[in-house]
PDB file of N, CA and C in Angstrom:
ATOM      1  N   MET A   1     100.863  99.412  74.057  1.00  0.00           N
ATOM      2  CA  MET A   1     101.755  98.668  74.907  1.00  0.00           C
ATOM      3  C   MET A   1     100.918  97.946  75.972  1.00  0.00           C
ATOM      4  N   GLU A   2     101.095  96.540  75.973  1.00  0.00           N
ATOM      5  CA  GLU A   2     100.308  95.734  76.958  1.00  0.00           C
ATOM      6  C   GLU A   2     100.951  95.833  78.292  1.00  0.00           C
ATOM      7  N   LYS A   3     100.185  96.063  79.332  1.00  0.00           N
ATOM      8  CA  LYS A   3     100.563  95.888  80.708  1.00  0.00           C
ATOM      9  C   LYS A   3     100.641  94.405  80.981  1.00  0.00           C
ATOM     10  N   ARG A   4     101.680  94.404  81.947  1.00  0.00           N
ATOM     11  CA  ARG A   4     102.000  93.204  82.536  1.00  0.00           C
ATOM     12  C   ARG A   4     100.728  92.748  83.664  1.00  0.00           C
ATOM     13  N   ARG A   5     100.385  91.526  83.380  1.00  0.00           N
ATOM     14  CA  ARG A   5      99.276  91.307  84.295  1.00  0.00           C
ATOM     15  C   ARG A   5      99.823  90.802  85.761  1.00  0.00           C
ATOM     16  N   LEU A   6      99.319  91.081  86.828  1.00  0.00           N
ATOM     17  CA  LEU A   6      99.622  90.907  88.116  1.00  0.00           C
ATOM     18  C   LEU A   6      98.402  90.748  88.836  1.00  0.00           C
ATOM     19  N   GLU A   7      98.162  89.735  89.724  1.00  0.00           N
ATOM     20  CA  GLU A   7      97.222  89.352  90.630  1.00  0.00           C
ATOM     21  C   GLU A   7      97.443  90.375  91.844  1.00  0.00           C
ATOM     22  N   ILE A   8      96.496  91.418  91.817  1.00  0.00           N
ATOM     23  CA  ILE A   8      96.666  92.431  92.910  1.00  0.00           C
ATOM     24  C   ILE A   8      95.755  92.007  94.071  1.00  0.00           C
ATOM     25  N   THR A   9      96.289  91.999  95.127  1.00  0.00           N
ATOM     26  CA  THR A   9      95.596  91.517  96.449  1.00  0.00           C
ATOM     27  C   THR A   9      96.105  92.527  97.599  1.00  0.00           C
ATOM     28  N   LYS A  10      95.270  92.458  98.748  1.00  0.00           N
ATOM     29  CA  LYS A  10      96.013  93.499  99.722  1.00  0.00           C
ATOM     30  C   LYS A  10      97.317  93.003 100.314  1.00  0.00           C
ATOM     31  N   ASP A  11      97.734  91.838  99.842  1.00  0.00           N
ATOM     32  CA  ASP A  11      99.237  91.553 100.150  1.00  0.00           C
ATOM     33  C   ASP A  11     100.406  91.934  99.212  1.00  0.00           C
ATOM     34  N   SER A  12      99.780  92.464  98.227  1.00  0.00           N
ATOM     35  CA  SER A  12     100.784  93.069  96.896  1.00  0.00           C
ATOM     36  C   SER A  12     101.719  94.120  97.697  1.00  0.00           C
ATOM     37  N   ILE A  13     103.066  93.963  97.285  1.00  0.00           N
ATOM     38  CA  ILE A  13     103.974  95.073  97.694  1.00  0.00           C
ATOM     39  C   ILE A  13     103.778  96.189  96.684  1.00  0.00           C
ATOM     40  N   ILE A  14     103.470  97.314  97.353  1.00  0.00           N
ATOM     41  CA  ILE A  14     103.426  98.665  96.478  1.00  0.00           C
ATOM     42  C   ILE A  14     104.510  98.852  95.572  1.00  0.00           C
ATOM     43  N   GLY A  15     105.829  98.569  95.871  1.00  0.00           N
ATOM     44  CA  GLY A  15     106.880  98.840  94.846  1.00  0.00           C
ATOM     45  C   GLY A  15     106.665  97.954  93.775  1.00  0.00           C
ATOM     46  N   GLU A  16     106.334  96.700  93.742  1.00  0.00           N
ATOM     47  CA  GLU A  16     106.019  95.839  92.842  1.00  0.00           C
ATOM     48  C   GLU A  16     104.934  96.260  91.810  1.00  0.00           C
ATOM     49  N   VAL A  17     103.740  96.766  92.417  1.00  0.00           N
ATOM     50  CA  VAL A  17     102.666  97.148  91.714  1.00  0.00           C
ATOM     51  C   VAL A  17     103.013  98.351  90.853  1.00  0.00           C
ATOM     52  N   LEU A  18     104.007  99.331  91.506  1.00  0.00           N
ATOM     53  CA  LEU A  18     104.514 100.422  90.755  1.00  0.00           C
ATOM     54  C   LEU A  18     105.240  99.987  89.540  1.00  0.00           C
ATOM     55  N   ASP A  19     106.305  99.182  89.807  1.00  0.00           N
ATOM     56  CA  ASP A  19     107.118  98.513  88.853  1.00  0.00           C
ATOM     57  C   ASP A  19     106.470  98.052  87.721  1.00  0.00           C
ATOM     58  N   MET A  20     105.434  97.475  87.864  1.00  0.00           N
ATOM     59  CA  MET A  20     104.594  96.788  86.860  1.00  0.00           C
ATOM     60  C   MET A  20     104.084  97.788  85.659  1.00  0.00           C
ATOM     61  N   ASP A  21     103.547  99.207  86.398  1.00  0.00           N
ATOM     62  CA  ASP A  21     103.144  99.981  85.542  1.00  0.00           C
ATOM     63  C   ASP A  21     103.155 101.275  86.389  1.00  0.00           C
ATOM     64  N   GLY A  22     104.131 102.330  86.171  1.00  0.00           N
ATOM     65  CA  GLY A  22     104.023 103.599  87.075  1.00  0.00           C
ATOM     66  C   GLY A  22     102.954 104.259  86.834  1.00  0.00           C
ATOM     67  N   GLY A  23     102.209 104.118  85.688  1.00  0.00           N
ATOM     68  CA  GLY A  23     100.999 104.898  85.359  1.00  0.00           C
ATOM     69  C   GLY A  23      99.761 104.742  86.331  1.00  0.00           C
ATOM     70  N   CYS A  24     100.021 103.656  87.287  1.00  0.00           N
ATOM     71  CA  CYS A  24      99.199 103.704  88.409  1.00  0.00           C
ATOM     72  C   CYS A  24      99.262 104.492  89.557  1.00  0.00           C
ATOM     73  N   ALA A  25     100.492 105.172  89.739  1.00  0.00           N
ATOM     74  CA  ALA A  25     100.786 106.048  90.814  1.00  0.00           C
ATOM     75  C   ALA A  25      99.979 107.026  91.020  1.00  0.00           C
ATOM     76  N   PRO A  26      99.097 107.636  90.288  1.00  0.00           N
ATOM     77  CA  PRO A  26      98.042 108.692  90.555  1.00  0.00           C
ATOM     78  C   PRO A  26      96.898 107.802  91.359  1.00  0.00           C
ATOM     79  N   ILE A  27      96.625 106.542  91.380  1.00  0.00           N
ATOM     80  CA  ILE A  27      95.700 105.994  91.995  1.00  0.00           C
ATOM     81  C   ILE A  27      95.958 105.892  93.547  1.00  0.00           C
ATOM     82  N   PHE A  28      97.450 105.754  93.869  1.00  0.00           N
ATOM     83  CA  PHE A  28      97.621 105.804  95.370  1.00  0.00           C
ATOM     84  C   PHE A  28      97.821 107.112  95.746  1.00  0.00           C
ATOM     85  N   LEU A  29      98.235 108.112  94.842  1.00  0.00           N
ATOM     86  CA  LEU A  29      98.306 109.525  95.261  1.00  0.00           C
ATOM     87  C   LEU A  29      96.728 110.119  95.520  1.00  0.00           C
ATOM     88  N   GLU A  30      95.750 109.675  94.776  1.00  0.00           N
ATOM     89  CA  GLU A  30      94.338 110.311  95.117  1.00  0.00           C
ATOM     90  C   GLU A  30      93.962 109.737  96.371  1.00  0.00           C
ATOM     91  N   MET A  31      94.431 108.520  96.949  1.00  0.00           N
ATOM     92  CA  MET A  31      94.121 107.995  98.015  1.00  0.00           C
ATOM     93  C   MET A  31      95.069 108.609  99.403  1.00  0.00           C
ATOM     94  N   GLY A  32      95.708 109.599  99.027  1.00  0.00           N
ATOM     95  CA  GLY A  32      96.579 110.260  99.908  1.00  0.00           C
ATOM     96  C   GLY A  32      97.954 109.790 100.331  1.00  0.00           C
ATOM     97  N   MET A  33      98.376 108.710  99.510  1.00  0.00           N
ATOM     98  CA  MET A  33      99.637 107.998  99.619  1.00  0.00           C
ATOM     99  C   MET A  33     100.667 108.612  98.849  1.00  0.00           C
ATOM    100  N   HIS A  34     101.290 109.771  99.590  1.00  0.00           N
ATOM    101  CA  HIS A  34     102.148 110.504  98.699  1.00  0.00           C
ATOM    102  C   HIS A  34     103.680 110.405  98.660  1.00  0.00           C
ATOM    103  N   CYS A  35     104.173 109.211  99.621  1.00  0.00           N
ATOM    104  CA  CYS A  35     105.251 109.132  99.930  1.00  0.00           C
ATOM    105  C   CYS A  35     105.724 107.801  98.769  1.00  0.00           C
ATOM    106  N   LEU A  36     105.349 107.652  97.748  1.00  0.00           N
ATOM    107  CA  LEU A  36     105.561 106.631  96.859  1.00  0.00           C
ATOM    108  C   LEU A  36     107.034 106.230  96.594  1.00  0.00           C
ATOM    109  N   GLY A  37     107.863 107.270  96.850  1.00  0.00           N
ATOM    110  CA  GLY A  37     109.275 107.164  96.307  1.00  0.00           C
ATOM    111  C   GLY A  37     110.156 106.772  97.696  1.00  0.00           C
ATOM    112  N   CYS A  38     109.520 106.727  98.750  1.00  0.00           N
ATOM    113  CA  CYS A  38     110.189 106.464 100.130  1.00  0.00           C
ATOM    114  C   CYS A  38     110.629 104.938  99.920  1.00  0.00           C
ATOM    115  N   PRO A  39     111.601 104.534 100.230  1.00  0.00           N
ATOM    116  CA  PRO A  39     111.955 103.041 100.135  1.00  0.00           C
ATOM    117  C   PRO A  39     111.236 102.077 101.110  1.00  0.00           C
ATOM    118  N   SER A  40     110.817 102.858 102.396  1.00  0.00           N
ATOM    119  CA  SER A  40     110.088 101.973 103.334  1.00  0.00           C
ATOM    120  C   SER A  40     108.640 101.974 102.541  1.00  0.00           C
ATOM    121  N   ALA A  41     108.049 102.756 101.816  1.00  0.00           N
ATOM    122  CA  ALA A  41     106.634 102.819 101.541  1.00  0.00           C
ATOM    123  C   ALA A  41     106.571 101.906 100.452  1.00  0.00           C
ATOM    124  N   ARG A  42     107.648 101.753  99.620  1.00  0.00           N
ATOM    125  CA  ARG A  42     107.690 100.899  98.381  1.00  0.00           C
ATOM    126  C   ARG A  42     107.721  99.450  98.969  1.00  0.00           C
ATOM    127  N   GLY A  43     107.918  99.083  99.984  1.00  0.00           N
ATOM    128  CA  GLY A  43     108.043  97.722 100.627  1.00  0.00           C
ATOM    129  C   GLY A  43     106.910  97.290 101.445  1.00  0.00           C
ATOM    130  N   GLU A  44     106.009  98.159 101.512  1.00  0.00           N
ATOM    131  CA  GLU A  44     104.741  98.162 102.356  1.00  0.00           C
ATOM    132  C   GLU A  44     103.830  97.064 101.516  1.00  0.00           C
ATOM    133  N   THR A  45     102.883  96.442 102.136  1.00  0.00           N
ATOM    134  CA  THR A  45     101.761  95.752 101.296  1.00  0.00           C
ATOM    135  C   THR A  45     100.844  96.887 101.154  1.00  0.00           C
ATOM    136  N   ILE A  46      99.823  96.655 100.272  1.00  0.00           N
ATOM    137  CA  ILE A  46      98.776  97.529 100.253  1.00  0.00           C
ATOM    138  C   ILE A  46      98.090  97.577 101.505  1.00  0.00           C
ATOM    139  N   ALA A  47      97.771  96.478 102.064  1.00  0.00           N
ATOM    140  CA  ALA A  47      96.821  96.864 103.469  1.00  0.00           C
ATOM    141  C   ALA A  47      97.680  97.254 104.586  1.00  0.00           C
ATOM    142  N   GLU A  48      99.095  97.192 104.466  1.00  0.00           N
ATOM    143  CA  GLU A  48      99.735  97.896 105.606  1.00  0.00           C
ATOM    144  C   GLU A  48      99.703  99.407 105.178  1.00  0.00           C
ATOM    145  N   ALA A  49      99.603  99.973 104.122  1.00  0.00           N
ATOM    146  CA  ALA A  49      99.706 101.246 103.697  1.00  0.00           C
ATOM    147  C   ALA A  49      98.412 101.860 103.740  1.00  0.00           C
ATOM    148  N   CYS A  50      97.295 101.107 103.399  1.00  0.00           N
ATOM    149  CA  CYS A  50      96.078 101.637 103.867  1.00  0.00           C
ATOM    150  C   CYS A  50      95.828 101.672 105.215  1.00  0.00           C
ATOM    151  N   SER A  51      96.405 100.926 106.089  1.00  0.00           N
ATOM    152  CA  SER A  51      96.098 101.043 107.498  1.00  0.00           C
ATOM    153  C   SER A  51      96.747 102.083 108.044  1.00  0.00           C
ATOM    154  N   VAL A  52      97.833 102.529 107.581  1.00  0.00           N
ATOM    155  CA  VAL A  52      98.537 103.794 108.173  1.00  0.00           C
ATOM    156  C   VAL A  52      97.850 105.311 107.634  1.00  0.00           C
ATOM    157  N   HIS A  53      97.160 104.888 106.394  1.00  0.00           N
ATOM    158  CA  HIS A  53      96.556 106.085 105.847  1.00  0.00           C
ATOM    159  C   HIS A  53      95.212 106.419 106.066  1.00  0.00           C
ATOM    160  N   GLY A  54      94.325 105.133 106.866  1.00  0.00           N
ATOM    161  CA  GLY A  54      93.125 105.195 107.201  1.00  0.00           C
ATOM    162  C   GLY A  54      92.180 104.852 105.786  1.00  0.00           C
ATOM    163  N   GLU A  55      92.516 104.171 105.083  1.00  0.00           N
ATOM    164  CA  GLU A  55      92.068 103.935 103.650  1.00  0.00           C
ATOM    165  C   GLU A  55      91.489 102.248 103.677  1.00  0.00           C
ATOM    166  N   ASP A  56      90.338 102.161 102.814  1.00  0.00           N
ATOM    167  CA  ASP A  56      89.874 100.771 102.751  1.00  0.00           C
ATOM    168  C   ASP A  56      90.770 100.092 101.656  1.00  0.00           C
ATOM    169  N   PRO A  57      91.615  99.254 102.010  1.00  0.00           N
ATOM    170  CA  PRO A  57      92.310  98.400 101.105  1.00  0.00           C
ATOM    171  C   PRO A  57      91.609  97.781 100.076  1.00  0.00           C
ATOM    172  N   ASP A  58      90.354  97.373 100.147  1.00  0.00           N
ATOM    173  CA  ASP A  58      89.461  96.536  99.187  1.00  0.00           C
ATOM    174  C   ASP A  58      89.166  97.680  98.028  1.00  0.00           C
ATOM    175  N   ARG A  59      88.813  98.947  98.453  1.00  0.00           N
ATOM    176  CA  ARG A  59      88.838  99.956  97.497  1.00  0.00           C
ATOM    177  C   ARG A  59      89.839 100.241  96.780  1.00  0.00           C
ATOM    178  N   LEU A  60      91.218 100.229  97.326  1.00  0.00           N
ATOM    179  CA  LEU A  60      92.292 100.560  96.637  1.00  0.00           C
ATOM    180  C   LEU A  60      92.581  99.162  95.515  1.00  0.00           C
ATOM    181  N   VAL A  61      92.288  98.148  96.173  1.00  0.00           N
ATOM    182  CA  VAL A  61      92.717  97.025  95.315  1.00  0.00           C
ATOM    183  C   VAL A  61      91.897  96.815  94.202  1.00  0.00           C
ATOM    184  N   ALA A  62      90.643  97.174  94.050  1.00  0.00           N
ATOM    185  CA  ALA A  62      89.690  97.416  93.368  1.00  0.00           C
ATOM    186  C   ALA A  62      89.968  98.345  92.033  1.00  0.00           C
ATOM    187  N   LYS A  63      90.376  99.518  92.647  1.00  0.00           N
ATOM    188  CA  LYS A  63      91.065 100.666  91.521  1.00  0.00           C
ATOM    189  C   LYS A  63      92.100 100.010  90.842  1.00  0.00           C
ATOM    190  N   LEU A  64      92.958  99.471  91.446  1.00  0.00           N
ATOM    191  CA  LEU A  64      94.261  98.986  90.685  1.00  0.00           C
ATOM    192  C   LEU A  64      93.806  97.784  89.807  1.00  0.00           C
ATOM    193  N   ARG A  65      93.151  96.850  90.109  1.00  0.00           N
ATOM    194  CA  ARG A  65      92.685  95.892  89.191  1.00  0.00           C
ATOM    195  C   ARG A  65      91.991  96.453  88.018  1.00  0.00           C
ATOM    196  N   ALA A  66      91.171  97.546  88.259  1.00  0.00           N
ATOM    197  CA  ALA A  66      90.672  98.173  87.090  1.00  0.00           C
ATOM    198  C   ALA A  66      91.457  98.758  86.291  1.00  0.00           C
ATOM    199  N   PHE A  67      92.535  99.278  86.748  1.00  0.00           N
ATOM    200  CA  PHE A  67      93.693  99.893  85.957  1.00  0.00           C
ATOM    201  C   PHE A  67      94.328  98.909  85.022  1.00  0.00           C
ATOM    202  N   PHE A  68      94.766  97.806  85.799  1.00  0.00           N
ATOM    203  CA  PHE A  68      95.507  96.771  85.153  1.00  0.00           C
ATOM    204  C   PHE A  68      94.689  96.173  84.048  1.00  0.00           C
ATOM    205  N   SER A  69      93.297  96.150  84.159  1.00  0.00           N
ATOM    206  CA  SER A  69      92.587  95.202  83.337  1.00  0.00           C
ATOM    207  C   SER A  69      92.277  96.140  81.957  1.00  0.00           C
ATOM    208  N   GLN A  70      92.675  97.429  82.140  1.00  0.00           N
ATOM    209  CA  GLN A  70      92.359  98.189  80.734  1.00  0.00           C
ATOM    210  C   GLN A  70      93.240  97.716  79.633  1.00  0.00           C
ATOM    211  N   ASP A  71      92.833  97.812  78.658  1.00  0.00           N
ATOM    212  CA  ASP A  71      93.885  97.354  77.373  1.00  0.00           C
ATOM    213  C   ASP A  71      94.488  98.691  76.848  1.00  0.00           C
TER     214      ASP A  71
END
């Protein structure tokens, strides 16, 4: 199954990224973002969530881009 392509940036909405492929959820979880099912969390940008969780948004973006670039 081919993954839908999405240009992931710090401004990407978490819910939209998860909707593209829920298989990326562990990437968020390993960075301490355990509230993925919360409606407000799904509406946050990657940058907003990283700010709240003290994470580097560039690091998360890189991990997500790597995930979505896999065949």
